[in-house]
């Protein structure tokens, strides 16, 4: 996350099977967090659906290649 960036909390309902799959993935991929994964998924969705905004591009790339300290 860029220093000084504003974040917004988001609460959504998802199917239990999707939630279980996310948790299983996170258990075996310790470098990923739920927040990082959701940021990658949402920004990729936007990019694939025509949103061409530099900040969305940056968030997607940061979620893929930025690792927690």
PDB file of N, CA and C in Angstrom:
ATOM      1  N   UNK A   1       0.843  -1.177   0.000  1.00  0.00           N
ATOM      2  CA  UNK A   1       0.000   0.000   0.000  1.00  0.00           C
ATOM      3  C   UNK A   1       0.886   1.237   0.000  1.00  0.00           C
ATOM      4  N   UNK A   2       0.516   2.201  -0.797  1.00  0.00           N
ATOM      5  CA  UNK A   2       1.252   3.444  -0.881  1.00  0.00           C
ATOM      6  C   UNK A   2       1.095   4.229   0.418  1.00  0.00           C
ATOM      7  N   UNK A   3       2.202   4.784   0.931  1.00  0.00           N
ATOM      8  CA  UNK A   3       2.084   5.590   2.156  1.00  0.00           C
ATOM      9  C   UNK A   3       1.072   6.721   1.973  1.00  0.00           C
ATOM     10  N   UNK A   4       0.233   6.912   2.952  1.00  0.00           N
ATOM     11  CA  UNK A   4      -0.772   7.962   2.886  1.00  0.00           C
ATOM     12  C   UNK A   4      -2.016   7.595   2.104  1.00  0.00           C
ATOM     13  N   UNK A   5      -2.057   6.376   1.547  1.00  0.00           N
ATOM     14  CA  UNK A   5      -3.223   5.957   0.776  1.00  0.00           C
ATOM     15  C   UNK A   5      -4.411   5.724   1.711  1.00  0.00           C
ATOM     16  N   UNK A   6      -5.567   6.077   1.238  1.00  0.00           N
ATOM     17  CA  UNK A   6      -6.793   5.873   2.012  1.00  0.00           C
ATOM     18  C   UNK A   6      -7.305   4.468   1.740  1.00  0.00           C
ATOM     19  N   UNK A   7      -7.714   3.767   2.774  1.00  0.00           N
ATOM     20  CA  UNK A   7      -8.317   2.449   2.598  1.00  0.00           C
ATOM     21  C   UNK A   7      -9.761   2.487   3.075  1.00  0.00           C
ATOM     22  N   UNK A   8     -10.549   1.603   2.511  1.00  0.00           N
ATOM     23  CA  UNK A   8     -11.960   1.498   2.849  1.00  0.00           C
ATOM     24  C   UNK A   8     -12.232   0.053   3.221  1.00  0.00           C
ATOM     25  N   UNK A   9     -12.935  -0.148   4.312  1.00  0.00           N
ATOM     26  CA  UNK A   9     -13.309  -1.486   4.724  1.00  0.00           C
ATOM     27  C   UNK A   9     -14.519  -1.926   3.909  1.00  0.00           C
ATOM     28  N   UNK A  10     -14.512  -3.178   3.494  1.00  0.00           N
ATOM     29  CA  UNK A  10     -15.577  -3.703   2.653  1.00  0.00           C
ATOM     30  C   UNK A  10     -16.070  -5.009   3.257  1.00  0.00           C
ATOM     31  N   UNK A  11     -17.385  -5.110   3.429  1.00  0.00           N
ATOM     32  CA  UNK A  11     -17.956  -6.346   3.936  1.00  0.00           C
ATOM     33  C   UNK A  11     -18.885  -6.896   2.847  1.00  0.00           C
ATOM     34  N   UNK A  12     -18.623  -8.127   2.436  1.00  0.00           N
ATOM     35  CA  UNK A  12     -19.459  -8.750   1.412  1.00  0.00           C
ATOM     36  C   UNK A  12     -19.794 -10.173   1.837  1.00  0.00           C
ATOM     37  N   UNK A  13     -20.893 -10.669   1.344  1.00  0.00           N
ATOM     38  CA  UNK A  13     -21.252 -12.067   1.564  1.00  0.00           C
ATOM     39  C   UNK A  13     -20.824 -12.851   0.329  1.00  0.00           C
ATOM     40  N   UNK A  14     -20.156 -13.978   0.576  1.00  0.00           N
ATOM     41  CA  UNK A  14     -19.734 -14.846  -0.515  1.00  0.00           C
ATOM     42  C   UNK A  14     -20.166 -16.268  -0.189  1.00  0.00           C
ATOM     43  N   UNK A  15     -20.291 -17.111  -1.216  1.00  0.00           N
ATOM     44  CA  UNK A  15     -20.645 -18.506  -0.951  1.00  0.00           C
ATOM     45  C   UNK A  15     -19.593 -19.178  -0.063  1.00  0.00           C
ATOM     46  N   UNK A  16     -20.063 -20.076   0.793  1.00  0.00           N
ATOM     47  CA  UNK A  16     -19.171 -20.759   1.723  1.00  0.00           C
ATOM     48  C   UNK A  16     -18.064 -21.519   0.998  1.00  0.00           C
ATOM     49  N   UNK A  17     -18.379 -22.133  -0.142  1.00  0.00           N
ATOM     50  CA  UNK A  17     -17.357 -22.872  -0.892  1.00  0.00           C
ATOM     51  C   UNK A  17     -16.234 -21.953  -1.351  1.00  0.00           C
ATOM     52  N   UNK A  18     -16.567 -20.742  -1.760  1.00  0.00           N
ATOM     53  CA  UNK A  18     -15.551 -19.778  -2.171  1.00  0.00           C
ATOM     54  C   UNK A  18     -14.700 -19.364  -0.971  1.00  0.00           C
ATOM     55  N   UNK A  19     -15.342 -19.113   0.141  1.00  0.00           N
ATOM     56  CA  UNK A  19     -14.623 -18.749   1.365  1.00  0.00           C
ATOM     57  C   UNK A  19     -13.661 -19.867   1.784  1.00  0.00           C
ATOM     58  N   UNK A  20     -14.127 -21.100   1.759  1.00  0.00           N
ATOM     59  CA  UNK A  20     -13.292 -22.244   2.130  1.00  0.00           C
ATOM     60  C   UNK A  20     -12.102 -22.369   1.188  1.00  0.00           C
ATOM     61  N   UNK A  21     -12.335 -22.166  -0.091  1.00  0.00           N
ATOM     62  CA  UNK A  21     -11.240 -22.231  -1.063  1.00  0.00           C
ATOM     63  C   UNK A  21     -10.204 -21.142  -0.806  1.00  0.00           C
ATOM     64  N   UNK A  22     -10.670 -19.949  -0.475  1.00  0.00           N
ATOM     65  CA  UNK A  22      -9.754 -18.853  -0.145  1.00  0.00           C
ATOM     66  C   UNK A  22      -8.911 -19.214   1.068  1.00  0.00           C
ATOM     67  N   UNK A  23      -9.553 -19.704   2.113  1.00  0.00           N
ATOM     68  CA  UNK A  23      -8.832 -20.060   3.334  1.00  0.00           C
ATOM     69  C   UNK A  23      -7.827 -21.184   3.073  1.00  0.00           C
ATOM     70  N   UNK A  24      -8.201 -22.175   2.277  1.00  0.00           N
ATOM     71  CA  UNK A  24      -7.282 -23.266   1.935  1.00  0.00           C
ATOM     72  C   UNK A  24      -6.070 -22.723   1.173  1.00  0.00           C
ATOM     73  N   UNK A  25      -6.309 -21.823   0.249  1.00  0.00           N
ATOM     74  CA  UNK A  25      -5.212 -21.225  -0.517  1.00  0.00           C
ATOM     75  C   UNK A  25      -4.270 -20.458   0.408  1.00  0.00           C
ATOM     76  N   UNK A  26      -4.835 -19.649   1.280  1.00  0.00           N
ATOM     77  CA  UNK A  26      -4.017 -18.829   2.176  1.00  0.00           C
ATOM     78  C   UNK A  26      -3.196 -19.678   3.143  1.00  0.00           C
ATOM     79  N   UNK A  27      -3.708 -20.838   3.537  1.00  0.00           N
ATOM     80  CA  UNK A  27      -2.965 -21.732   4.435  1.00  0.00           C
ATOM     81  C   UNK A  27      -1.701 -22.260   3.772  1.00  0.00           C
ATOM     82  N   UNK A  28      -1.737 -22.430   2.448  1.00  0.00           N
ATOM     83  CA  UNK A  28      -0.593 -23.003   1.733  1.00  0.00           C
ATOM     84  C   UNK A  28       0.268 -21.949   1.039  1.00  0.00           C
ATOM     85  N   UNK A  29      -0.135 -20.698   1.090  1.00  0.00           N
ATOM     86  CA  UNK A  29       0.619 -19.607   0.465  1.00  0.00           C
ATOM     87  C   UNK A  29       0.787 -18.491   1.500  1.00  0.00           C
ATOM     88  N   UNK A  30       1.760 -18.666   2.367  1.00  0.00           N
ATOM     89  CA  UNK A  30       1.918 -17.793   3.530  1.00  0.00           C
ATOM     90  C   UNK A  30       2.268 -16.350   3.184  1.00  0.00           C
ATOM     91  N   UNK A  31       2.768 -16.099   1.967  1.00  0.00           N
ATOM     92  CA  UNK A  31       3.108 -14.732   1.575  1.00  0.00           C
ATOM     93  C   UNK A  31       1.860 -13.916   1.219  1.00  0.00           C
ATOM     94  N   UNK A  32       0.729 -14.583   1.090  1.00  0.00           N
ATOM     95  CA  UNK A  32      -0.511 -13.905   0.724  1.00  0.00           C
ATOM     96  C   UNK A  32      -1.391 -13.716   1.948  1.00  0.00           C
ATOM     97  N   UNK A  33      -2.065 -12.582   1.996  1.00  0.00           N
ATOM     98  CA  UNK A  33      -3.069 -12.333   3.030  1.00  0.00           C
ATOM     99  C   UNK A  33      -4.425 -12.243   2.333  1.00  0.00           C
ATOM    100  N   UNK A  34      -5.470 -12.307   3.105  1.00  0.00           N
ATOM    101  CA  UNK A  34      -6.808 -12.170   2.535  1.00  0.00           C
ATOM    102  C   UNK A  34      -6.949 -10.807   1.849  1.00  0.00           C
ATOM    103  N   UNK A  35      -6.415  -9.777   2.465  1.00  0.00           N
ATOM    104  CA  UNK A  35      -6.505  -8.436   1.900  1.00  0.00           C
ATOM    105  C   UNK A  35      -5.751  -8.336   0.579  1.00  0.00           C
ATOM    106  N   UNK A  36      -4.541  -8.892   0.542  1.00  0.00           N
ATOM    107  CA  UNK A  36      -3.731  -8.854  -0.678  1.00  0.00           C
ATOM    108  C   UNK A  36      -4.418  -9.626  -1.804  1.00  0.00           C
ATOM    109  N   UNK A  37      -4.966 -10.785  -1.476  1.00  0.00           N
ATOM    110  CA  UNK A  37      -5.629 -11.590  -2.489  1.00  0.00           C
ATOM    111  C   UNK A  37      -6.861 -10.879  -3.048  1.00  0.00           C
ATOM    112  N   UNK A  38      -7.663 -10.280  -2.163  1.00  0.00           N
ATOM    113  CA  UNK A  38      -8.864  -9.581  -2.626  1.00  0.00           C
ATOM    114  C   UNK A  38      -8.507  -8.360  -3.460  1.00  0.00           C
ATOM    115  N   UNK A  39      -7.449  -7.650  -3.075  1.00  0.00           N
ATOM    116  CA  UNK A  39      -7.004  -6.506  -3.868  1.00  0.00           C
ATOM    117  C   UNK A  39      -6.579  -6.954  -5.258  1.00  0.00           C
ATOM    118  N   UNK A  40      -5.841  -8.050  -5.338  1.00  0.00           N
ATOM    119  CA  UNK A  40      -5.411  -8.569  -6.639  1.00  0.00           C
ATOM    120  C   UNK A  40      -6.614  -8.984  -7.477  1.00  0.00           C
ATOM    121  N   UNK A  41      -7.555  -9.691  -6.865  1.00  0.00           N
ATOM    122  CA  UNK A  41      -8.720 -10.187  -7.605  1.00  0.00           C
ATOM    123  C   UNK A  41      -9.602  -9.034  -8.103  1.00  0.00           C
ATOM    124  N   UNK A  42      -9.874  -8.072  -7.233  1.00  0.00           N
ATOM    125  CA  UNK A  42     -10.748  -6.964  -7.622  1.00  0.00           C
ATOM    126  C   UNK A  42     -10.104  -6.060  -8.661  1.00  0.00           C
ATOM    127  N   UNK A  43      -8.822  -5.763  -8.488  1.00  0.00           N
ATOM    128  CA  UNK A  43      -8.174  -4.897  -9.471  1.00  0.00           C
ATOM    129  C   UNK A  43      -8.027  -5.610 -10.813  1.00  0.00           C
ATOM    130  N   UNK A  44      -7.755  -6.914 -10.820  1.00  0.00           N
ATOM    131  CA  UNK A  44      -7.692  -7.655 -12.082  1.00  0.00           C
ATOM    132  C   UNK A  44      -9.053  -7.660 -12.770  1.00  0.00           C
ATOM    133  N   UNK A  45     -10.119  -7.868 -12.008  1.00  0.00           N
ATOM    134  CA  UNK A  45     -11.467  -7.822 -12.578  1.00  0.00           C
ATOM    135  C   UNK A  45     -11.715  -6.482 -13.275  1.00  0.00           C
ATOM    136  N   UNK A  46     -11.370  -5.396 -12.599  1.00  0.00           N
ATOM    137  CA  UNK A  46     -11.579  -4.072 -13.183  1.00  0.00           C
ATOM    138  C   UNK A  46     -10.751  -3.891 -14.452  1.00  0.00           C
ATOM    139  N   UNK A  47      -9.496  -4.303 -14.419  1.00  0.00           N
ATOM    140  CA  UNK A  47      -8.641  -4.181 -15.602  1.00  0.00           C
ATOM    141  C   UNK A  47      -9.185  -4.988 -16.773  1.00  0.00           C
ATOM    142  N   UNK A  48      -9.652  -6.189 -16.505  1.00  0.00           N
ATOM    143  CA  UNK A  48     -10.187  -7.046 -17.563  1.00  0.00           C
ATOM    144  C   UNK A  48     -11.503  -6.525 -18.120  1.00  0.00           C
ATOM    145  N   UNK A  49     -12.161  -5.645 -17.378  1.00  0.00           N
ATOM    146  CA  UNK A  49     -13.455  -5.129 -17.809  1.00  0.00           C
ATOM    147  C   UNK A  49     -13.393  -3.658 -18.200  1.00  0.00           C
ATOM    148  N   UNK A  50     -12.229  -3.227 -18.660  1.00  0.00           N
ATOM    149  CA  UNK A  50     -12.111  -1.933 -19.297  1.00  0.00           C
ATOM    150  C   UNK A  50     -11.758  -0.746 -18.426  1.00  0.00           C
ATOM    151  N   UNK A  51     -11.519  -0.949 -17.146  1.00  0.00           N
ATOM    152  CA  UNK A  51     -11.109   0.176 -16.304  1.00  0.00           C
ATOM    153  C   UNK A  51      -9.620   0.395 -16.535  1.00  0.00           C
ATOM    154  N   UNK A  52      -9.287   1.538 -17.105  1.00  0.00           N
ATOM    155  CA  UNK A  52      -7.894   1.849 -17.397  1.00  0.00           C
ATOM    156  C   UNK A  52      -7.493   3.065 -16.574  1.00  0.00           C
ATOM    157  N   UNK A  53      -7.238   2.816 -15.311  1.00  0.00           N
ATOM    158  CA  UNK A  53      -6.886   3.879 -14.378  1.00  0.00           C
ATOM    159  C   UNK A  53      -5.502   3.560 -13.821  1.00  0.00           C
ATOM    160  N   UNK A  54      -4.578   4.511 -13.863  1.00  0.00           N
ATOM    161  CA  UNK A  54      -3.212   4.225 -13.394  1.00  0.00           C
ATOM    162  C   UNK A  54      -3.154   3.667 -11.974  1.00  0.00           C
ATOM    163  N   UNK A  55      -4.006   4.137 -11.095  1.00  0.00           N
ATOM    164  CA  UNK A  55      -3.971   3.658  -9.701  1.00  0.00           C
ATOM    165  C   UNK A  55      -4.434   2.201  -9.609  1.00  0.00           C
ATOM    166  N   UNK A  56      -5.435   1.819 -10.401  1.00  0.00           N
ATOM    167  CA  UNK A  56      -5.889   0.421 -10.416  1.00  0.00           C
ATOM    168  C   UNK A  56      -4.774  -0.467 -10.955  1.00  0.00           C
ATOM    169  N   UNK A  57      -4.114  -0.020 -12.027  1.00  0.00           N
ATOM    170  CA  UNK A  57      -2.984  -0.781 -12.570  1.00  0.00           C
ATOM    171  C   UNK A  57      -1.903  -0.968 -11.511  1.00  0.00           C
ATOM    172  N   UNK A  58      -1.592   0.108 -10.807  1.00  0.00           N
ATOM    173  CA  UNK A  58      -0.563   0.072  -9.780  1.00  0.00           C
ATOM    174  C   UNK A  58      -0.956  -0.849  -8.625  1.00  0.00           C
ATOM    175  N   UNK A  59      -2.208  -0.779  -8.188  1.00  0.00           N
ATOM    176  CA  UNK A  59      -2.665  -1.642  -7.099  1.00  0.00           C
ATOM    177  C   UNK A  59      -2.568  -3.115  -7.489  1.00  0.00           C
ATOM    178  N   UNK A  60      -2.918  -3.423  -8.731  1.00  0.00           N
ATOM    179  CA  UNK A  60      -2.835  -4.814  -9.185  1.00  0.00           C
ATOM    180  C   UNK A  60      -1.386  -5.299  -9.156  1.00  0.00           C
ATOM    181  N   UNK A  61      -0.491  -4.512  -9.737  1.00  0.00           N
ATOM    182  CA  UNK A  61       0.908  -4.919  -9.768  1.00  0.00           C
ATOM    183  C   UNK A  61       1.509  -4.985  -8.372  1.00  0.00           C
ATOM    184  N   UNK A  62       1.155  -4.028  -7.525  1.00  0.00           N
ATOM    185  CA  UNK A  62       1.651  -4.056  -6.139  1.00  0.00           C
ATOM    186  C   UNK A  62       1.174  -5.310  -5.415  1.00  0.00           C
ATOM    187  N   UNK A  63      -0.069  -5.701  -5.645  1.00  0.00           N
ATOM    188  CA  UNK A  63      -0.582  -6.892  -4.951  1.00  0.00           C
ATOM    189  C   UNK A  63       0.120  -8.158  -5.422  1.00  0.00           C
ATOM    190  N   UNK A  64       0.565  -8.185  -6.667  1.00  0.00           N
ATOM    191  CA  UNK A  64       1.264  -9.367  -7.167  1.00  0.00           C
ATOM    192  C   UNK A  64       2.722  -9.435  -6.731  1.00  0.00           C
ATOM    193  N   UNK A  65       3.384  -8.277  -6.727  1.00  0.00           N
ATOM    194  CA  UNK A  65       4.836  -8.296  -6.558  1.00  0.00           C
ATOM    195  C   UNK A  65       5.345  -7.682  -5.269  1.00  0.00           C
ATOM    196  N   UNK A  66       4.491  -7.122  -4.433  1.00  0.00           N
ATOM    197  CA  UNK A  66       4.933  -6.569  -3.156  1.00  0.00           C
ATOM    198  C   UNK A  66       4.743  -7.605  -2.066  1.00  0.00           C
ATOM    199  N   UNK A  67       5.799  -7.861  -1.361  1.00  0.00           N
ATOM    200  CA  UNK A  67       5.733  -8.859  -0.305  1.00  0.00           C
ATOM    201  C   UNK A  67       5.811  -8.175   1.043  1.00  0.00           C
ATOM    202  N   UNK A  68       5.126  -8.712   2.024  1.00  0.00           N
ATOM    203  CA  UNK A  68       5.184  -8.101   3.361  1.00  0.00           C
ATOM    204  C   UNK A  68       6.597  -8.120   3.915  1.00  0.00           C
ATOM    205  N   UNK A  69       6.921  -7.102   4.672  1.00  0.00           N
ATOM    206  CA  UNK A  69       8.282  -7.017   5.244  1.00  0.00           C
ATOM    207  C   UNK A  69       8.471  -8.040   6.336  1.00  0.00           C
TER     208      UNK A  69
END
